Amino acid sequence: MSVLPDLHLHYMQACQDLSQPENPFVARVLQEADKNDEISTKGIILKLAGNNHLVPVPRVTDDDLGVLVSVLDQAAFVTGLDLAYNLLTDVGAKTIATFLQENSTLQYLNLMFNDIGTSGAELIAEALHSNQSLVHLRMTGNKIGNQGGMFFASMLKINSTLEKLDLGDCDVGLQCLIATAIALTENKSLKAINLNRPLLSSQQEETTVHIARMLKTNSSLVELHLGKHGMKNFGVERLCEALYGNSSLRYLDLSCNNITGDGVKFLGELLKKNRALRILDLSANRIEDVGTIYLSEALATRNMTLQALSIVSNNITGKGLLVLADALQANTTLSHVYIWGNKFDRSTCVAFWELIEMGRLQLGCTDVVPYEVDGEIHLAELSHGLGKHRYWSPRSAAVEPGAANASLEIVPVSGY
């Protein structure tokens, strides 16, 4: 049974009982939570992230966490816990694991960029063998290594509740990626996974081949991040072959790879027939003009379902960007387009100024804004993009979740 919303009082009492000094940051967040009138009906996410840009905060330690979870044991109205950018280690991971085994209401847990290692990952993954409430877990930036990732891969064979798993920047390796791909051929609950920036010593793209095989049979995965995989045209071709028969994947992130125009030719052909993809991220590759033309041809004539495209920093000149601008005139579905970091000439600036001026492209849905100097149009950068809120989230609730955000909420994976 849940206690009444009086978290701060219970926290002060727990600190006394455990002879642990109060963390003023934790105390303040709990005080704010107690003032929330809807806490007992709608639940609440406790935002204890240590990267507050406005007010420096004392980051949460393992000892602080021990006190906090003793308070939350009887607080069923706490449905989310954001502990990103703190000082939690494997000791804190053990506390979290015990909490997950006993708690039946927590749906969202953000542990990104703490100091959790392999042993901590093992404890958390094992806790998720039995936990039936957690829907979204972020482990981003914890150096759990290949072995730590293997524990999560094994967990995916057992857990049937988790919908979002973020293992980006976790130093996972080849074995972990292959094991994860194999697990996802059977797992029917996971809808989004981030596998960005693994540590791969091989250049043979074995991991991409296994992931492609998984996509041929998986019918539940909606969002897939494969950034910084060293992927080349061979890997893209394997993925495209698999996606001809896949009708579930909506968001494909291939950013920061080694894809050239020849590889994008396969994506262009895929877009002519695939009606499932809504978001395609090709940022920081080498698709150049030829790749942009392949994409633009598909978008102008055959594909009317893609909603977001990022080709940031791809060495594209005015030739390719003008073809894309023309495609946007013919295609009315593609609403989010990101092009910064390429080579803008005068014609490119005018073309995108016209798209924005006529309302075809909204400023909240692109990363460029036109301005005029001495009668000439130029483009400046806007801080928008598909990864805008991937590593941080604004404390203000006024930010629209669909505006230039990581997934545009095309398919609601969960409430978080």
Protein backbone atom coordinates (compact mmCIF):
# COMPACT_ATOMS: atom_id res chain seq x y z
CA MET A 1 0.00 0.00 0.00
CA SER A 2 1.29 3.44 -0.91
CA VAL A 3 1.88 6.07 1.77
CA LEU A 4 0.44 9.55 1.42
CA PRO A 5 2.62 12.03 -0.51
CA ASP A 6 4.98 13.12 2.27
CA LEU A 7 8.28 12.06 0.77
CA HIS A 8 10.39 14.78 2.34
CA LEU A 9 9.31 13.95 5.88
CA HIS A 10 9.99 10.27 5.34
CA TYR A 11 13.39 11.12 3.81
CA MET A 12 14.46 13.19 6.84
CA GLN A 13 13.36 10.38 9.14
CA ALA A 14 15.24 7.78 7.09
CA CYS A 15 18.42 9.88 7.18
CA GLN A 16 18.22 9.97 10.97
CA ASP A 17 17.52 6.25 11.25
CA LEU A 18 20.44 5.36 8.95
CA SER A 19 22.79 8.06 10.34
CA GLN A 20 23.21 9.45 6.85
CA PRO A 21 23.48 13.23 6.22
CA GLU A 22 20.74 14.72 4.06
CA ASN A 23 21.53 15.49 0.43
CA PRO A 24 20.00 18.97 -0.05
CA PHE A 25 19.34 18.26 -3.74
CA VAL A 26 17.36 15.10 -2.96
CA ALA A 27 15.53 16.89 -0.15
CA ARG A 28 14.52 19.76 -2.46
CA VAL A 29 13.24 17.46 -5.20
CA LEU A 30 11.16 15.51 -2.67
CA GLN A 31 9.75 18.76 -1.27
CA GLU A 32 8.70 19.80 -4.77
CA ALA A 33 7.13 16.38 -5.34
CA ASP A 34 5.06 16.71 -2.17
CA LYS A 35 3.50 19.88 -3.59
CA ASN A 36 2.27 18.09 -6.72
CA ASP A 37 -1.51 17.75 -6.42
CA GLU A 38 -1.66 14.93 -8.96
CA ILE A 39 1.06 12.78 -7.41
CA SER A 40 -1.30 10.18 -5.96
CA THR A 41 -3.48 9.87 -9.07
CA LYS A 42 -1.11 10.16 -12.04
CA GLY A 43 2.20 9.25 -10.44
CA ILE A 44 5.42 11.21 -10.67
CA ILE A 45 8.96 11.01 -12.05
CA LEU A 46 11.60 12.11 -9.55
CA LYS A 47 14.14 14.13 -11.55
CA LEU A 48 17.44 13.75 -9.71
CA ALA A 49 19.80 14.17 -12.67
CA GLY A 50 23.13 15.64 -11.62
CA ASN A 51 23.64 17.81 -14.73
CA ASN A 52 21.45 20.74 -13.77
CA HIS A 53 22.65 23.59 -16.02
CA LEU A 54 21.04 26.33 -13.94
CA VAL A 55 21.89 25.43 -10.35
CA PRO A 56 24.93 23.33 -9.35
CA VAL A 57 23.71 20.38 -7.28
CA PRO A 58 25.44 17.87 -4.96
CA ARG A 59 25.33 14.71 -7.03
CA VAL A 60 23.66 11.58 -5.68
CA THR A 61 26.06 9.01 -4.18
CA ASP A 62 25.60 5.32 -3.36
CA ASP A 63 24.84 6.24 0.27
CA ASP A 64 22.26 8.83 -0.79
CA LEU A 65 20.60 6.22 -2.99
CA GLY A 66 20.34 3.75 -0.12
CA VAL A 67 18.33 6.25 1.91
CA LEU A 68 16.20 7.26 -1.06
CA VAL A 69 15.06 3.75 -1.96
CA SER A 70 14.14 3.08 1.66
CA VAL A 71 11.70 5.98 1.28
CA LEU A 72 10.42 4.84 -2.11
CA ASP A 73 9.69 1.28 -0.96
CA GLN A 74 6.22 2.37 0.16
CA ALA A 75 5.70 5.13 -2.45
CA ALA A 76 3.82 3.44 -5.28
CA PHE A 77 3.00 6.80 -6.85
CA VAL A 78 6.68 7.22 -7.88
CA THR A 79 6.64 5.69 -11.36
CA GLY A 80 9.91 7.14 -12.69
CA LEU A 81 13.41 7.78 -11.36
CA ASP A 82 15.96 9.93 -13.22
CA LEU A 83 19.42 9.43 -11.68
CA ALA A 84 21.50 10.43 -14.72
CA TYR A 85 24.92 12.09 -14.35
CA ASN A 86 25.46 11.16 -10.71
CA LEU A 87 28.15 9.26 -8.75
CA LEU A 88 26.57 5.82 -8.57
CA THR A 89 28.90 2.80 -8.72
CA ASP A 90 28.39 -0.96 -8.60
CA VAL A 91 27.42 -0.54 -4.94
CA GLY A 92 24.55 1.71 -6.00
CA ALA A 93 23.67 -0.76 -8.76
CA LYS A 94 23.21 -3.44 -6.07
CA THR A 95 20.79 -1.12 -4.25
CA ILE A 96 18.91 -0.49 -7.51
CA ALA A 97 18.77 -4.22 -8.29
CA THR A 98 17.27 -5.04 -4.88
CA PHE A 99 14.75 -2.24 -5.33
CA LEU A 100 13.74 -3.52 -8.77
CA GLN A 101 13.18 -7.02 -7.40
CA GLU A 102 10.83 -5.71 -4.71
CA ASN A 103 9.16 -2.80 -6.52
CA SER A 104 6.15 -3.29 -8.77
CA THR A 105 5.35 0.29 -9.84
CA LEU A 106 8.58 1.81 -11.27
CA GLN A 107 8.24 2.12 -15.04
CA TYR A 108 11.14 4.44 -15.97
CA LEU A 109 14.74 4.31 -14.74
CA ASN A 110 17.50 6.55 -16.08
CA LEU A 111 21.03 5.65 -14.91
CA MET A 112 22.94 7.19 -17.81
CA PHE A 113 26.52 8.42 -17.27
CA ASN A 114 27.17 7.08 -13.80
CA ASP A 115 30.11 4.81 -12.86
CA ILE A 116 28.37 1.44 -13.04
CA GLY A 117 30.58 -1.37 -14.33
CA THR A 118 30.24 -5.01 -15.34
CA SER A 119 29.26 -6.38 -11.92
CA GLY A 120 26.62 -3.67 -11.49
CA ALA A 121 25.21 -4.44 -14.92
CA GLU A 122 24.95 -8.13 -13.96
CA LEU A 123 22.94 -7.29 -10.84
CA ILE A 124 20.53 -4.97 -12.65
CA ALA A 125 20.06 -7.40 -15.54
CA GLU A 126 19.35 -10.27 -13.15
CA ALA A 127 16.80 -8.14 -11.30
CA LEU A 128 14.97 -7.64 -14.59
CA HIS A 129 14.54 -11.41 -14.93
CA SER A 130 11.73 -11.14 -12.39
CA ASN A 131 10.71 -7.46 -12.51
CA GLN A 132 7.43 -6.97 -14.37
CA SER A 133 6.95 -3.20 -14.17
CA LEU A 134 9.99 -1.47 -15.69
CA VAL A 135 9.27 -0.31 -19.25
CA HIS A 136 12.22 1.99 -20.03
CA LEU A 137 15.85 1.61 -18.88
CA ARG A 138 18.73 3.91 -19.82
CA MET A 139 22.26 2.65 -19.10
CA THR A 140 23.93 5.06 -21.56
CA GLY A 141 27.55 5.90 -20.83
CA ASN A 142 28.14 3.38 -18.04
CA LYS A 143 31.24 1.38 -18.97
CA ILE A 144 29.69 -2.04 -18.48
CA GLY A 145 31.81 -3.54 -21.25
CA ASN A 146 31.10 -6.50 -23.47
CA GLN A 147 30.44 -8.87 -20.55
CA GLY A 148 28.00 -6.42 -18.95
CA GLY A 149 26.18 -6.15 -22.24
CA MET A 150 25.98 -9.95 -22.44
CA PHE A 151 24.01 -9.97 -19.18
CA PHE A 152 21.44 -7.66 -20.74
CA ALA A 153 21.30 -9.79 -23.88
CA SER A 154 20.51 -12.82 -21.71
CA MET A 155 17.89 -10.79 -19.85
CA LEU A 156 16.09 -10.02 -23.13
CA LYS A 157 15.43 -13.75 -23.57
CA ILE A 158 13.49 -13.81 -20.29
CA ASN A 159 11.99 -10.36 -19.67
CA SER A 160 8.70 -9.65 -21.43
CA THR A 161 7.95 -6.19 -19.99
CA LEU A 162 10.83 -3.91 -21.02
CA GLU A 163 10.03 -1.79 -24.09
CA LYS A 164 13.00 0.59 -24.29
CA LEU A 165 16.65 -0.27 -23.59
CA ASP A 166 19.52 2.18 -24.06
CA LEU A 167 23.02 0.63 -24.13
CA GLY A 168 24.67 3.41 -26.15
CA ASP A 169 28.26 4.41 -25.23
CA CYS A 170 28.55 1.42 -22.89
CA ASP A 171 31.68 -0.12 -24.49
CA VAL A 172 29.81 -3.28 -25.51
CA GLY A 173 31.55 -5.50 -28.04
CA LEU A 174 31.00 -7.89 -30.93
CA GLN A 175 29.78 -10.83 -28.80
CA CYS A 176 27.26 -8.63 -27.01
CA LEU A 177 25.81 -7.25 -30.25
CA ILE A 178 25.48 -10.72 -31.78
CA ALA A 179 23.88 -12.10 -28.60
CA THR A 180 21.47 -9.14 -28.49
CA ALA A 181 20.48 -9.69 -32.12
CA ILE A 182 19.83 -13.37 -31.42
CA ALA A 183 17.77 -12.51 -28.32
CA LEU A 184 15.64 -10.08 -30.33
CA THR A 185 14.65 -12.79 -32.77
CA GLU A 186 12.58 -14.23 -29.92
CA ASN A 187 11.79 -11.18 -27.75
CA LYS A 188 8.37 -9.74 -28.67
CA SER A 189 8.17 -6.87 -26.18
CA LEU A 190 11.19 -4.63 -26.84
CA LYS A 191 10.27 -1.72 -29.11
CA ALA A 192 13.36 0.50 -28.98
CA ILE A 193 17.06 -0.21 -28.48
CA ASN A 194 20.13 2.00 -28.64
CA LEU A 195 23.38 0.18 -29.50
CA ASN A 196 25.43 3.25 -30.46
CA ARG A 197 29.24 3.28 -30.26
CA PRO A 198 30.26 -0.29 -29.51
CA LEU A 199 33.95 -1.22 -29.37
CA LEU A 200 34.52 -3.32 -32.47
CA SER A 201 37.95 -4.61 -33.48
CA SER A 202 36.72 -6.37 -36.63
CA GLN A 203 35.97 -4.60 -39.90
CA GLN A 204 33.97 -7.51 -41.31
CA GLU A 205 30.56 -6.14 -40.21
CA GLU A 206 29.49 -9.44 -38.62
CA THR A 207 27.30 -7.52 -36.18
CA THR A 208 25.39 -5.77 -38.97
CA VAL A 209 24.77 -9.12 -40.68
CA HIS A 210 23.30 -10.58 -37.47
CA ILE A 211 21.17 -7.48 -36.85
CA ALA A 212 19.87 -7.70 -40.44
CA ARG A 213 18.91 -11.35 -39.90
CA MET A 214 17.07 -10.32 -36.74
CA LEU A 215 15.11 -7.62 -38.62
CA LYS A 216 13.84 -10.25 -41.05
CA THR A 217 11.95 -12.02 -38.26
CA ASN A 218 11.40 -9.37 -35.56
CA SER A 219 7.98 -7.75 -35.82
CA SER A 220 7.99 -5.63 -32.64
CA LEU A 221 11.08 -3.39 -32.87
CA VAL A 222 10.13 0.20 -33.70
CA GLU A 223 13.35 2.15 -33.05
CA LEU A 224 16.94 1.03 -33.75
CA HIS A 225 20.12 3.05 -33.17
CA LEU A 226 23.30 1.80 -34.88
CA GLY A 227 25.46 4.93 -34.76
CA LYS A 228 29.28 4.69 -34.74
CA HIS A 229 29.37 1.05 -35.86
CA GLY A 230 31.95 1.62 -38.60
CA MET A 231 29.24 0.51 -41.01
CA LYS A 232 30.08 0.58 -44.71
CA ASN A 233 28.06 0.08 -47.88
CA PHE A 234 28.09 -3.70 -47.45
CA GLY A 235 26.34 -3.40 -44.09
CA VAL A 236 23.74 -0.96 -45.42
CA GLU A 237 22.93 -3.35 -48.25
CA ARG A 238 22.34 -6.19 -45.74
CA LEU A 239 20.04 -3.99 -43.65
CA CYS A 240 18.06 -2.87 -46.70
CA GLU A 241 17.59 -6.46 -47.85
CA ALA A 242 16.10 -7.28 -44.44
CA LEU A 243 13.86 -4.20 -44.30
CA TYR A 244 12.02 -5.05 -47.52
CA GLY A 245 10.08 -7.59 -45.48
CA ASN A 246 9.96 -5.65 -42.20
CA SER A 247 6.80 -3.65 -41.52
CA SER A 248 7.44 -2.58 -37.92
CA LEU A 249 10.67 -0.51 -37.85
CA ARG A 250 9.87 3.23 -37.85
CA TYR A 251 13.16 4.85 -36.78
CA LEU A 252 16.55 3.82 -38.22
CA ASP A 253 19.64 5.63 -36.93
CA LEU A 254 22.79 5.06 -39.05
CA SER A 255 24.61 8.22 -37.98
CA CYS A 256 28.40 8.52 -37.72
CA ASN A 257 29.27 5.59 -39.99
CA ASN A 258 31.24 5.15 -43.24
CA ILE A 259 28.31 5.10 -45.65
CA THR A 260 28.91 6.66 -49.08
CA GLY A 261 26.66 7.51 -51.99
CA ASP A 262 26.87 3.94 -53.28
CA GLY A 263 25.44 2.67 -50.01
CA VAL A 264 22.64 5.22 -50.06
CA LYS A 265 21.58 3.83 -53.44
CA PHE A 266 20.29 0.78 -51.55
CA LEU A 267 18.43 3.04 -49.13
CA GLY A 268 16.89 4.96 -52.02
CA GLU A 269 15.58 1.75 -53.56
CA LEU A 270 14.29 0.64 -50.16
CA LEU A 271 12.37 3.89 -49.66
CA LYS A 272 10.57 3.35 -52.94
CA LYS A 273 8.95 0.20 -51.55
CA ASN A 274 9.14 0.41 -47.75
CA ARG A 275 6.05 2.05 -46.20
CA ALA A 276 7.04 1.60 -42.54
CA LEU A 277 10.08 3.87 -42.00
CA ARG A 278 9.25 7.31 -40.61
CA ILE A 279 12.68 8.56 -39.45
CA LEU A 280 16.06 8.08 -41.15
CA ASP A 281 19.23 9.48 -39.58
CA LEU A 282 22.29 9.56 -41.87
CA SER A 283 24.15 12.34 -40.03
CA ALA A 284 27.96 12.36 -40.26
CA ASN A 285 28.43 9.90 -43.10
CA ARG A 286 29.86 10.57 -46.59
CA ILE A 287 26.82 10.35 -48.85
CA GLU A 288 27.73 13.57 -50.77
CA ASP A 289 25.67 14.79 -53.75
CA VAL A 290 25.14 11.40 -55.36
CA GLY A 291 23.63 9.92 -52.20
CA THR A 292 21.36 12.94 -51.69
CA ILE A 293 20.12 12.61 -55.27
CA TYR A 294 19.27 8.92 -54.73
CA LEU A 295 17.27 9.81 -51.62
CA SER A 296 15.58 12.82 -53.25
CA GLU A 297 14.47 10.80 -56.26
CA ALA A 298 12.73 8.27 -54.01
CA LEU A 299 11.16 10.99 -51.86
CA ALA A 300 9.91 13.00 -54.82
CA THR A 301 8.30 10.15 -56.72
CA ARG A 302 7.62 7.03 -54.69
CA ASN A 303 7.92 7.49 -50.92
CA MET A 304 5.23 9.51 -49.16
CA THR A 305 5.62 8.04 -45.65
CA LEU A 306 9.05 9.21 -44.38
CA GLN A 307 8.57 12.09 -41.94
CA ALA A 308 12.11 12.96 -40.82
CA LEU A 309 15.48 12.92 -42.56
CA SER A 310 18.86 14.01 -41.23
CA ILE A 311 21.80 14.38 -43.63
CA VAL A 312 23.87 16.68 -41.40
CA SER A 313 27.62 16.83 -42.17
CA ASN A 314 27.75 14.67 -45.29
CA ASN A 315 29.92 16.81 -47.60
CA ILE A 316 26.90 17.71 -49.75
CA THR A 317 27.18 20.73 -52.05
CA GLY A 318 24.51 22.95 -53.55
CA LYS A 319 23.93 20.45 -56.35
CA GLY A 320 22.58 17.78 -54.03
CA LEU A 321 20.79 20.18 -51.66
CA LEU A 322 18.88 21.82 -54.53
CA VAL A 323 17.61 18.42 -55.67
CA LEU A 324 16.43 17.77 -52.10
CA ALA A 325 14.71 21.16 -51.99
CA ASP A 326 12.87 20.30 -55.21
CA ALA A 327 11.85 16.94 -53.72
CA LEU A 328 10.36 18.74 -50.72
CA GLN A 329 8.15 20.72 -53.09
CA ALA A 330 6.72 17.47 -54.46
CA ASN A 331 6.65 15.55 -51.18
CA THR A 332 4.27 16.93 -48.55
CA THR A 333 4.84 14.23 -45.91
CA LEU A 334 8.51 14.83 -45.09
CA SER A 335 8.21 17.45 -42.35
CA HIS A 336 11.55 17.33 -40.45
CA VAL A 337 14.73 17.94 -42.50
CA TYR A 338 18.19 18.60 -41.06
CA ILE A 339 21.00 19.73 -43.39
CA TRP A 340 23.55 21.76 -41.37
CA GLY A 341 27.25 21.00 -41.79
CA ASN A 342 27.12 20.76 -45.59
CA LYS A 343 28.32 23.22 -48.26
CA PHE A 344 25.72 25.93 -48.81
CA ASP A 345 25.95 28.09 -51.93
CA ARG A 346 23.72 31.05 -52.82
CA SER A 347 21.13 28.91 -54.62
CA THR A 348 20.85 26.52 -51.67
CA CYS A 349 20.24 29.39 -49.25
CA VAL A 350 17.53 30.85 -51.47
CA ALA A 351 15.87 27.46 -52.02
CA PHE A 352 15.55 26.70 -48.29
CA TRP A 353 14.54 30.30 -47.55
CA GLU A 354 11.67 29.82 -50.00
CA LEU A 355 10.65 26.53 -48.36
CA ILE A 356 10.55 28.22 -44.95
CA GLU A 357 8.91 31.40 -46.27
CA MET A 358 6.04 29.52 -47.91
CA GLY A 359 5.51 27.39 -44.80
CA ARG A 360 6.59 24.12 -46.38
CA LEU A 361 9.34 23.79 -43.77
CA GLN A 362 8.72 24.97 -40.19
CA LEU A 363 11.61 26.47 -38.20
CA GLY A 364 10.94 24.00 -35.39
CA CYS A 365 11.42 21.14 -37.84
CA THR A 366 14.78 22.03 -39.36
CA ASP A 367 18.24 23.12 -38.20
CA VAL A 368 18.70 26.19 -40.42
CA VAL A 369 17.21 29.67 -40.32
CA PRO A 370 17.59 32.23 -43.15
CA TYR A 371 18.86 35.78 -42.66
CA GLU A 372 19.71 38.58 -45.08
CA VAL A 373 22.92 40.61 -45.40
CA ASP A 374 23.38 43.22 -48.13
CA GLY A 375 20.52 41.78 -50.13
CA GLU A 376 21.86 38.20 -50.03
CA ILE A 377 20.22 35.28 -48.20
CA HIS A 378 22.35 33.17 -45.85
CA LEU A 379 21.57 30.26 -43.53
CA ALA A 380 22.44 30.10 -39.83
CA GLU A 381 22.30 27.05 -37.58
CA LEU A 382 19.43 26.24 -35.24
CA SER A 383 20.13 23.85 -32.36
CA HIS A 384 17.61 21.29 -33.55
CA GLY A 385 18.16 17.72 -34.62
CA LEU A 386 17.09 14.13 -34.15
CA GLY A 387 19.38 13.75 -31.15
CA LYS A 388 18.55 17.03 -29.46
CA HIS A 389 17.33 15.46 -26.23
CA ARG A 390 19.30 12.24 -26.37
CA TYR A 391 21.84 13.21 -23.71
CA TRP A 392 19.88 15.78 -21.75
CA SER A 393 16.28 16.77 -21.20
CA PRO A 394 15.08 20.30 -20.39
CA ARG A 395 13.68 20.79 -16.91
CA SER A 396 10.94 22.99 -18.35
CA ALA A 397 7.78 21.09 -19.19
CA ALA A 398 6.99 23.65 -21.89
CA VAL A 399 9.15 21.90 -24.51
CA GLU A 400 7.06 20.12 -27.12
CA PRO A 401 8.13 16.44 -27.18
CA GLY A 402 7.54 16.18 -30.92
CA ALA A 403 9.56 19.24 -31.97
CA ALA A 404 12.96 18.15 -33.29
CA ASN A 405 13.24 15.49 -30.63
CA ALA A 406 14.81 12.07 -30.65
CA SER A 407 11.86 10.01 -31.80
CA LEU A 408 9.09 12.48 -32.68
CA GLU A 409 6.77 10.14 -30.74
CA ILE A 410 5.64 8.60 -34.02
CA VAL A 411 4.75 5.37 -32.23
CA PRO A 412 4.29 5.98 -28.50
CA VAL A 413 6.55 3.35 -26.92
CA SER A 414 5.67 4.36 -23.39
CA GLY A 415 4.79 7.40 -21.31
CA TYR A 416 8.45 8.31 -21.10
